C-alpha atoms as a PDB file:
ATOM      1  CA  MET A   1     -36.010   8.426 -46.908  1.00  0.00           C
ATOM      2  CA  ASP A   2     -39.536   7.466 -45.770  1.00  0.00           C
ATOM      3  CA  HIS A   3     -41.870   9.505 -47.961  1.00  0.00           C
ATOM      4  CA  CYS A   4     -44.546  10.474 -45.416  1.00  0.00           C
ATOM      5  CA  PHE A   5     -41.954  11.260 -42.714  1.00  0.00           C
ATOM      6  CA  ALA A   6     -40.201  13.568 -45.139  1.00  0.00           C
ATOM      7  CA  ARG A   7     -43.477  15.129 -46.224  1.00  0.00           C
ATOM      8  CA  ILE A   8     -44.327  16.031 -42.624  1.00  0.00           C
ATOM      9  CA  ILE A   9     -40.898  17.607 -42.016  1.00  0.00           C
ATOM     10  CA  LEU A  10     -40.681  19.475 -45.337  1.00  0.00           C
ATOM     11  CA  ASP A  11     -44.193  20.895 -45.064  1.00  0.00           C
ATOM     12  CA  SER A  12     -43.367  22.200 -41.569  1.00  0.00           C
ATOM     13  CA  ILE A  13     -39.989  23.690 -42.415  1.00  0.00           C
ATOM     14  CA  VAL A  14     -40.158  24.560 -46.154  1.00  0.00           C
ATOM     15  CA  GLY A  15     -43.839  24.703 -46.984  1.00  0.00           C
ATOM     16  CA  ILE A  16     -45.120  26.362 -43.838  1.00  0.00           C
ATOM     17  CA  ASP A  17     -48.407  27.537 -45.382  1.00  0.00           C
ATOM     18  CA  ALA A  18     -48.443  25.349 -48.520  1.00  0.00           C
ATOM     19  CA  PRO A  19     -47.141  21.952 -49.612  1.00  0.00           C
ATOM     20  CA  TRP A  20     -43.313  22.131 -49.810  1.00  0.00           C
ATOM     21  CA  MET A  21     -43.300  21.272 -53.547  1.00  0.00           C
ATOM     22  CA  GLU A  22     -44.912  24.684 -54.194  1.00  0.00           C
ATOM     23  CA  LYS A  23     -41.888  26.412 -52.605  1.00  0.00           C
ATOM     24  CA  ILE A  24     -38.911  24.422 -53.983  1.00  0.00           C
ATOM     25  CA  LYS A  25     -38.235  21.844 -56.704  1.00  0.00           C
ATOM     26  CA  SER A  26     -37.795  18.159 -56.049  1.00  0.00           C
ATOM     27  CA  PRO A  27     -35.563  16.553 -54.798  1.00  0.00           C
ATOM     28  CA  ALA A  28     -35.749  18.755 -51.722  1.00  0.00           C
ATOM     29  CA  TYR A  29     -32.276  18.055 -50.400  1.00  0.00           C
ATOM     30  CA  LYS A  30     -30.741  19.488 -53.575  1.00  0.00           C
ATOM     31  CA  ASN A  31     -32.882  22.643 -53.716  1.00  0.00           C
ATOM     32  CA  MET A  32     -33.445  23.666 -50.092  1.00  0.00           C
ATOM     33  CA  SER A  33     -31.266  26.265 -48.311  1.00  0.00           C
ATOM     34  CA  LYS A  34     -28.675  25.324 -45.757  1.00  0.00           C
ATOM     35  CA  ASP A  35     -30.880  26.744 -42.990  1.00  0.00           C
ATOM     36  CA  GLN A  36     -33.901  24.737 -44.159  1.00  0.00           C
ATOM     37  CA  LEU A  37     -31.783  21.563 -44.288  1.00  0.00           C
ATOM     38  CA  GLU A  38     -30.423  22.173 -40.754  1.00  0.00           C
ATOM     39  CA  ASP A  39     -33.941  22.954 -39.408  1.00  0.00           C
ATOM     40  CA  SER A  40     -35.375  19.840 -41.153  1.00  0.00           C
ATOM     41  CA  ILE A  41     -32.729  17.620 -39.535  1.00  0.00           C
ATOM     42  CA  ARG A  42     -33.328  19.277 -36.152  1.00  0.00           C
ATOM     43  CA  LEU A  43     -37.141  18.702 -36.374  1.00  0.00           C
ATOM     44  CA  GLY A  44     -36.582  15.084 -37.432  1.00  0.00           C
ATOM     45  CA  GLN A  45     -34.438  14.551 -34.350  1.00  0.00           C
ATOM     46  CA  GLU A  46     -37.043  16.197 -32.139  1.00  0.00           C
ATOM     47  CA  ILE A  47     -39.676  13.853 -33.536  1.00  0.00           C
ATOM     48  CA  LEU A  48     -37.438  10.775 -32.947  1.00  0.00           C
ATOM     49  CA  ASP A  49     -36.719  12.000 -29.389  1.00  0.00           C
ATOM     50  CA  GLY A  50     -40.401  12.528 -28.652  1.00  0.00           C
ATOM     51  CA  GLU A  51     -40.051  16.246 -28.225  1.00  0.00           C
ATOM     52  CA  ALA A  52     -42.295  17.104 -31.177  1.00  0.00           C
ATOM     53  CA  ASP A  53     -45.844  15.750 -31.697  1.00  0.00           C
ATOM     54  CA  LEU A  54     -45.759  13.712 -34.856  1.00  0.00           C
ATOM     55  CA  VAL A  55     -49.569  13.388 -35.005  1.00  0.00           C
ATOM     56  CA  GLU A  56     -50.120  17.118 -34.779  1.00  0.00           C
ATOM     57  CA  LEU A  57     -47.454  17.804 -37.433  1.00  0.00           C
ATOM     58  CA  ASP A  58     -48.993  15.174 -39.727  1.00  0.00           C
ATOM     59  CA  ASN A  59     -52.477  16.684 -39.354  1.00  0.00           C
ATOM     60  CA  LYS A  60     -51.090  20.164 -40.173  1.00  0.00           C
ATOM     61  CA  SER A  61     -49.321  18.768 -43.236  1.00  0.00           C
ATOM     62  CA  LEU A  62     -52.505  17.005 -44.399  1.00  0.00           C
ATOM     63  CA  ALA A  63     -54.507  20.177 -43.847  1.00  0.00           C
ATOM     64  CA  LEU A  64     -52.188  22.001 -46.263  1.00  0.00           C
ATOM     65  CA  ARG A  65     -53.061  19.394 -48.866  1.00  0.00           C
ATOM     66  CA  GLY A  66     -56.798  19.368 -48.239  1.00  0.00           C
ATOM     67  CA  LYS A  67     -56.669  15.945 -46.594  1.00  0.00           C
ATOM     68  CA  GLY A  68     -57.288  14.659 -43.117  1.00  0.00           C
ATOM     69  CA  GLU A  69     -57.893  11.600 -40.945  1.00  0.00           C
ATOM     70  CA  VAL A  70     -61.227  10.814 -42.550  1.00  0.00           C
ATOM     71  CA  ALA A  71     -59.695  10.704 -46.048  1.00  0.00           C
ATOM     72  CA  SER A  72     -56.489   8.916 -45.097  1.00  0.00           C
ATOM     73  CA  GLY A  73     -57.739   5.329 -44.964  1.00  0.00           C
ATOM     74  CA  LYS A  74     -57.390   2.865 -47.834  1.00  0.00           C
ATOM     75  CA  ALA A  75     -60.331   1.242 -49.437  1.00  0.00           C
ATOM     76  CA  SER A  76     -60.855  -1.842 -51.581  1.00  0.00           C
ATOM     77  CA  GLY A  77     -62.642   0.020 -54.329  1.00  0.00           C
ATOM     78  CA  LYS A  78     -66.023  -1.477 -53.442  1.00  0.00           C
ATOM     79  CA  VAL A  79     -69.076   0.387 -52.277  1.00  0.00           C
ATOM     80  CA  ASP A  80     -69.875  -0.155 -48.599  1.00  0.00           C
ATOM     81  CA  ARG A  81     -73.433  -1.563 -48.451  1.00  0.00           C
ATOM     82  CA  SER A  82     -73.429  -2.424 -44.765  1.00  0.00           C
ATOM     83  CA  SER A  83     -75.517   0.646 -43.882  1.00  0.00           C
ATOM     84  CA  PRO A  84     -78.169   1.153 -46.581  1.00  0.00           C
ATOM     85  CA  GLY A  85     -79.247   4.544 -45.269  1.00  0.00           C
ATOM     86  CA  LYS A  86     -75.773   6.111 -45.525  1.00  0.00           C
ATOM     87  CA  ARG A  87     -74.296   7.974 -48.471  1.00  0.00           C
ATOM     88  CA  LYS A  88     -72.321   5.743 -50.798  1.00  0.00           C
ATOM     89  CA  ARG A  89     -68.506   6.325 -50.813  1.00  0.00           C
ATOM     90  CA  LYS A  90     -66.485   6.103 -53.965  1.00  0.00           C
ATOM     91  CA  THR A  91     -62.732   5.610 -54.350  1.00  0.00           C
ATOM     92  CA  ASP A  92     -60.279   7.281 -56.684  1.00  0.00           C
ATOM     93  CA  GLU A  93     -57.625   5.603 -58.887  1.00  0.00           C
ATOM     94  CA  LYS A  94     -55.267   5.397 -55.864  1.00  0.00           C
ATOM     95  CA  GLY A  95     -57.807   3.674 -53.642  1.00  0.00           C
ATOM     96  CA  GLU A  96     -58.180   6.742 -51.471  1.00  0.00           C
ATOM     97  CA  ILE A  97     -61.620   7.361 -50.010  1.00  0.00           C
ATOM     98  CA  SER A  98     -63.180  10.590 -51.278  1.00  0.00           C
ATOM     99  CA  VAL A  99     -65.625  12.323 -48.955  1.00  0.00           C
ATOM    100  CA  ASP A 100     -68.496  14.841 -49.402  1.00  0.00           C
ATOM    101  CA  GLY A 101     -71.532  16.109 -47.623  1.00  0.00           C
ATOM    102  CA  ALA A 102     -71.587  15.461 -43.880  1.00  0.00           C
ATOM    103  CA  GLU A 103     -68.320  13.538 -43.887  1.00  0.00           C
ATOM    104  CA  LYS A 104     -66.546  16.547 -45.469  1.00  0.00           C
ATOM    105  CA  GLU A 105     -67.835  18.780 -42.670  1.00  0.00           C
ATOM    106  CA  VAL A 106     -66.525  16.289 -40.046  1.00  0.00           C
ATOM    107  CA  LYS A 107     -63.109  16.308 -41.728  1.00  0.00           C
ATOM    108  CA  LYS A 108     -63.056  20.100 -41.802  1.00  0.00           C
ATOM    109  CA  ARG A 109     -63.782  20.326 -38.089  1.00  0.00           C
ATOM    110  CA  LYS A 110     -61.080  17.793 -37.254  1.00  0.00           C
ATOM    111  CA  LEU A 111     -58.500  19.694 -39.227  1.00  0.00           C
ATOM    112  CA  GLN A 112     -59.473  22.981 -37.560  1.00  0.00           C
ATOM    113  CA  SER A 113     -59.133  21.347 -34.185  1.00  0.00           C
ATOM    114  CA  ALA A 114     -55.708  19.982 -35.060  1.00  0.00           C
ATOM    115  CA  GLU A 115     -54.559  23.409 -36.304  1.00  0.00           C
ATOM    116  CA  GLU A 116     -55.798  25.139 -33.161  1.00  0.00           C
ATOM    117  CA  SER A 117     -53.997  22.636 -30.895  1.00  0.00           C
ATOM    118  CA  VAL A 118     -50.665  23.487 -32.604  1.00  0.00           C
ATOM    119  CA  HIS A 119     -51.058  27.207 -31.717  1.00  0.00           C
ATOM    120  CA  ARG A 120     -52.651  26.654 -28.280  1.00  0.00           C
ATOM    121  CA  PRO A 121     -50.326  28.237 -25.599  1.00  0.00           C
ATOM    122  CA  ILE A 122     -48.961  26.415 -22.549  1.00  0.00           C
ATOM    123  CA  LEU A 123     -50.383  28.208 -19.476  1.00  0.00           C
ATOM    124  CA  ASP A 124     -49.017  28.048 -15.907  1.00  0.00           C
ATOM    125  CA  LYS A 125     -51.149  27.699 -12.793  1.00  0.00           C
ATOM    126  CA  GLY A 126     -51.814  31.424 -12.773  1.00  0.00           C
ATOM    127  CA  GLY A 127     -53.176  31.313 -16.337  1.00  0.00           C
ATOM    128  CA  LYS A 128     -50.159  33.128 -17.771  1.00  0.00           C
ATOM    129  CA  GLU A 129     -48.287  31.865 -20.874  1.00  0.00           C
ATOM    130  CA  ASP A 130     -45.381  29.617 -19.869  1.00  0.00           C
ATOM    131  CA  LEU A 131     -42.507  29.702 -22.343  1.00  0.00           C
ATOM    132  CA  THR A 132     -39.932  28.018 -20.002  1.00  0.00           C
ATOM    133  CA  PRO A 133     -39.740  24.867 -22.168  1.00  0.00           C
ATOM    134  CA  TRP A 134     -39.037  26.978 -25.223  1.00  0.00           C
ATOM    135  CA  LEU A 135     -36.379  28.973 -23.493  1.00  0.00           C
ATOM    136  CA  LYS A 136     -34.558  25.712 -22.858  1.00  0.00           C
ATOM    137  CA  LYS A 137     -34.932  24.697 -26.490  1.00  0.00           C
ATOM    138  CA  ILE A 138     -33.461  28.061 -27.592  1.00  0.00           C
ATOM    139  CA  ALA A 139     -30.537  27.726 -25.196  1.00  0.00           C
ATOM    140  CA  LEU A 140     -29.754  24.186 -26.443  1.00  0.00           C
ATOM    141  CA  SER A 141     -30.181  24.992 -30.123  1.00  0.00           C
ATOM    142  CA  ASP A 142     -27.303  25.577 -32.576  1.00  0.00           C
ATOM    143  CA  LYS A 143     -28.463  29.130 -33.382  1.00  0.00           C
ATOM    144  CA  SER A 144     -25.843  31.871 -33.116  1.00  0.00           C
ATOM    145  CA  SER A 145     -25.508  33.683 -29.733  1.00  0.00           C
ATOM    146  CA  PHE A 146     -27.151  36.807 -31.190  1.00  0.00           C
ATOM    147  CA  GLN A 147     -30.091  34.772 -32.524  1.00  0.00           C
ATOM    148  CA  LYS A 148     -30.540  33.180 -29.104  1.00  0.00           C
ATOM    149  CA  LYS A 149     -30.589  36.616 -27.471  1.00  0.00           C
ATOM    150  CA  VAL A 150     -33.229  37.832 -29.906  1.00  0.00           C
ATOM    151  CA  LEU A 151     -35.466  34.745 -29.490  1.00  0.00           C
ATOM    152  CA  THR A 152     -35.010  34.864 -25.703  1.00  0.00           C
ATOM    153  CA  ALA A 153     -36.010  38.525 -25.588  1.00  0.00           C
ATOM    154  CA  LEU A 154     -39.009  37.706 -27.807  1.00  0.00           C
ATOM    155  CA  CYS A 155     -40.307  35.317 -25.146  1.00  0.00           C
ATOM    156  CA  GLN A 156     -40.841  38.308 -22.821  1.00  0.00           C
ATOM    157  CA  VAL A 157     -43.494  39.883 -25.076  1.00  0.00           C
ATOM    158  CA  PRO A 158     -46.856  39.087 -23.461  1.00  0.00           C
ATOM    159  CA  ARG A 159     -49.683  37.383 -25.254  1.00  0.00           C
ATOM    160  CA  GLY A 160     -52.147  39.985 -26.542  1.00  0.00           C
ATOM    161  CA  ARG A 161     -49.382  42.604 -26.915  1.00  0.00           C
ATOM    162  CA  TYR A 162     -46.778  43.438 -29.559  1.00  0.00           C
ATOM    163  CA  SER A 163     -43.313  44.877 -29.700  1.00  0.00           C
ATOM    164  CA  THR A 164     -41.177  46.267 -32.572  1.00  0.00           C
ATOM    165  CA  TYR A 165     -37.926  45.455 -34.269  1.00  0.00           C
ATOM    166  CA  ALA A 166     -36.617  48.806 -33.072  1.00  0.00           C
ATOM    167  CA  ALA A 167     -37.494  48.111 -29.436  1.00  0.00           C
ATOM    168  CA  ILE A 168     -35.743  44.746 -29.418  1.00  0.00           C
ATOM    169  CA  SER A 169     -32.681  46.156 -31.188  1.00  0.00           C
ATOM    170  CA  LYS A 170     -32.447  48.962 -28.660  1.00  0.00           C
ATOM    171  CA  HIS A 171     -32.639  46.450 -25.838  1.00  0.00           C
ATOM    172  CA  LEU A 172     -29.835  44.367 -27.387  1.00  0.00           C
ATOM    173  CA  SER A 173     -27.812  47.392 -28.601  1.00  0.00           C
ATOM    174  CA  SER A 174     -28.175  46.210 -32.207  1.00  0.00           C
ATOM    175  CA  SER A 175     -30.095  47.292 -35.284  1.00  0.00           C
ATOM    176  CA  PRO A 176     -33.686  46.568 -36.426  1.00  0.00           C
ATOM    177  CA  ARG A 177     -32.403  44.891 -39.585  1.00  0.00           C
ATOM    178  CA  ALA A 178     -30.196  42.479 -37.554  1.00  0.00           C
ATOM    179  CA  VAL A 179     -33.211  41.641 -35.364  1.00  0.00           C
ATOM    180  CA  GLY A 180     -35.351  41.010 -38.464  1.00  0.00           C
ATOM    181  CA  ASN A 181     -32.697  38.720 -39.959  1.00  0.00           C
ATOM    182  CA  ALA A 182     -32.442  36.783 -36.656  1.00  0.00           C
ATOM    183  CA  LEU A 183     -36.184  36.157 -36.702  1.00  0.00           C
ATOM    184  CA  ARG A 184     -36.261  35.168 -40.376  1.00  0.00           C
ATOM    185  CA  ASN A 185     -35.520  31.523 -39.556  1.00  0.00           C
ATOM    186  CA  ASN A 186     -37.311  30.971 -36.251  1.00  0.00           C
ATOM    187  CA  PRO A 187     -37.570  27.146 -35.844  1.00  0.00           C
ATOM    188  CA  PHE A 188     -39.734  27.497 -32.754  1.00  0.00           C
ATOM    189  CA  ALA A 189     -42.604  29.529 -34.278  1.00  0.00           C
ATOM    190  CA  PRO A 190     -45.369  30.127 -33.426  1.00  0.00           C
ATOM    191  CA  GLN A 191     -44.732  29.141 -29.773  1.00  0.00           C
ATOM    192  CA  VAL A 192     -41.749  31.483 -29.670  1.00  0.00           C
ATOM    193  CA  PRO A 193     -43.882  34.328 -30.943  1.00  0.00           C
ATOM    194  CA  CYS A 194     -42.048  36.201 -33.767  1.00  0.00           C
ATOM    195  CA  HIS A 195     -45.497  37.217 -35.021  1.00  0.00           C
ATOM    196  CA  ARG A 196     -45.592  39.604 -32.039  1.00  0.00           C
ATOM    197  CA  VAL A 197     -42.829  41.801 -33.533  1.00  0.00           C
ATOM    198  CA  LEU A 198     -44.044  44.569 -35.813  1.00  0.00           C
ATOM    199  CA  ALA A 199     -42.512  47.512 -37.677  1.00  0.00           C
ATOM    200  CA  SER A 200     -42.421  50.874 -36.038  1.00  0.00           C
ATOM    201  CA  GLY A 201     -45.541  52.840 -36.871  1.00  0.00           C
ATOM    202  CA  GLY A 202     -47.834  49.831 -36.535  1.00  0.00           C
ATOM    203  CA  GLY A 203     -47.136  48.073 -39.831  1.00  0.00           C
ATOM    204  CA  LEU A 204     -46.853  44.249 -39.829  1.00  0.00           C
ATOM    205  CA  GLY A 205     -43.226  44.067 -40.957  1.00  0.00           C
ATOM    206  CA  GLY A 206     -41.990  40.697 -42.209  1.00  0.00           C
ATOM    207  CA  PHE A 207     -43.118  37.161 -41.495  1.00  0.00           C
ATOM    208  CA  HIS A 208     -41.629  33.784 -42.516  1.00  0.00           C
ATOM    209  CA  GLY A 209     -38.971  35.681 -44.540  1.00  0.00           C
ATOM    210  CA  SER A 210     -41.417  37.673 -46.595  1.00  0.00           C
ATOM    211  CA  TRP A 211     -41.789  41.459 -46.493  1.00  0.00           C
ATOM    212  CA  GLY A 212     -44.344  43.611 -48.271  1.00  0.00           C
ATOM    213  CA  ARG A 213     -42.850  45.956 -50.843  1.00  0.00           C
ATOM    214  CA  ASN A 214     -44.174  49.086 -52.643  1.00  0.00           C
ATOM    215  CA  GLY A 215     -47.446  49.128 -50.718  1.00  0.00           C
ATOM    216  CA  LYS A 216     -48.121  45.429 -51.265  1.00  0.00           C
ATOM    217  CA  GLU A 217     -48.575  42.922 -48.447  1.00  0.00           C
ATOM    218  CA  GLY A 218     -46.023  40.154 -47.842  1.00  0.00           C
ATOM    219  CA  LEU A 219     -46.884  36.530 -48.701  1.00  0.00           C
ATOM    220  CA  HIS A 220     -47.684  35.610 -45.053  1.00  0.00           C
ATOM    221  CA  ASP A 221     -49.231  38.926 -43.733  1.00  0.00           C
ATOM    222  CA  ASP A 222     -52.661  37.354 -43.414  1.00  0.00           C
ATOM    223  CA  LYS A 223     -51.293  34.555 -41.245  1.00  0.00           C
ATOM    224  CA  LYS A 224     -49.394  36.973 -38.995  1.00  0.00           C
ATOM    225  CA  ARG A 225     -52.479  39.233 -38.619  1.00  0.00           C
ATOM    226  CA  LYS A 226     -54.673  36.143 -37.846  1.00  0.00           C
ATOM    227  CA  LEU A 227     -52.303  34.991 -35.058  1.00  0.00           C
ATOM    228  CA  LEU A 228     -52.255  38.445 -33.492  1.00  0.00           C
ATOM    229  CA  ARG A 229     -56.026  38.866 -33.694  1.00  0.00           C
ATOM    230  CA  GLU A 230     -56.505  35.454 -32.049  1.00  0.00           C
ATOM    231  CA  GLU A 231     -54.378  36.773 -29.130  1.00  0.00           C
ATOM    232  CA  GLY A 232     -56.418  39.986 -28.764  1.00  0.00           C
ATOM    233  CA  VAL A 233     -54.358  42.449 -30.800  1.00  0.00           C
ATOM    234  CA  LYS A 234     -56.588  44.846 -32.819  1.00  0.00           C
ATOM    235  CA  PHE A 235     -56.090  46.627 -36.144  1.00  0.00           C
ATOM    236  CA  ASP A 236     -57.579  49.794 -37.615  1.00  0.00           C
ATOM    237  CA  GLY A 237     -59.196  50.155 -41.047  1.00  0.00           C
ATOM    238  CA  ARG A 238     -55.786  50.631 -42.687  1.00  0.00           C
ATOM    239  CA  GLY A 239     -54.476  47.409 -41.280  1.00  0.00           C
ATOM    240  CA  ARG A 240     -52.222  49.061 -38.688  1.00  0.00           C
ATOM    241  CA  VAL A 241     -52.089  47.851 -35.108  1.00  0.00           C
ATOM    242  CA  ILE A 242     -53.986  49.734 -32.437  1.00  0.00           C
ATOM    243  CA  GLY A 243     -52.299  50.619 -29.139  1.00  0.00           C
ATOM    244  CA  SER A 244     -48.740  51.217 -28.032  1.00  0.00           C
ATOM    245  CA  SER A 245     -45.893  48.688 -28.340  1.00  0.00           C
ATOM    246  CA  TRP A 246     -44.606  46.633 -25.395  1.00  0.00           C
ATOM    247  CA  GLU A 247     -41.001  47.556 -24.581  1.00  0.00           C
ATOM    248  CA  GLU A 248     -40.476  46.449 -20.941  1.00  0.00           C
ATOM    249  CA  PHE A 249     -37.557  44.115 -21.660  1.00  0.00           C
ATOM    250  CA  CYS A 250     -35.314  43.172 -18.795  1.00  0.00           C
END
């Protein structure tokens, strides 16, 4: 029931790209889905077991709320006069230090660095992406056998390339819709890269359970496109991916 511990977990599982309170009503345990509850418990256990980096998750949660390490300290409410040449720092009604100017820029850079570290791939000695640790997590997870097959196949898609729901469904003798549903609740994203799966024809498809409808983009399309661009995938002026899909599953 620790408030900050719950905040970190709920922002990671429920909020994803916004504070969790913007997605569901409080109390969370009464309004979250069964999958979200199970994923929250699983992440909590991973943190307790040392398998998830609590500091990185906390920084990511604070970034969603416009806060960071610089702004997290408590103050007495008095102005610091120890360095006359420095900008004075005020405190709000909660005693939190508010920052501006140069300090605000430092905070921004720290948050960007924390965010980048979360998405930074693990590389082997040859410089290739190593997803072996995540394959083990998938195998040991409580996901269904089909979900495990989809996530395992997904780990084959190389960084800088993309595949499609149709290609994965063909490989698994299933359907594109079933593959999409299996990826809807991927607890290992973005390391297990569901953002590398697109719709046939070069459209983005869904991401984090949101699909664009009637010509409109989904809620998380910008985030999916950003992840792909950072990996080297390019898009044309219409927002469709350039190049052929990767389908060399084995």
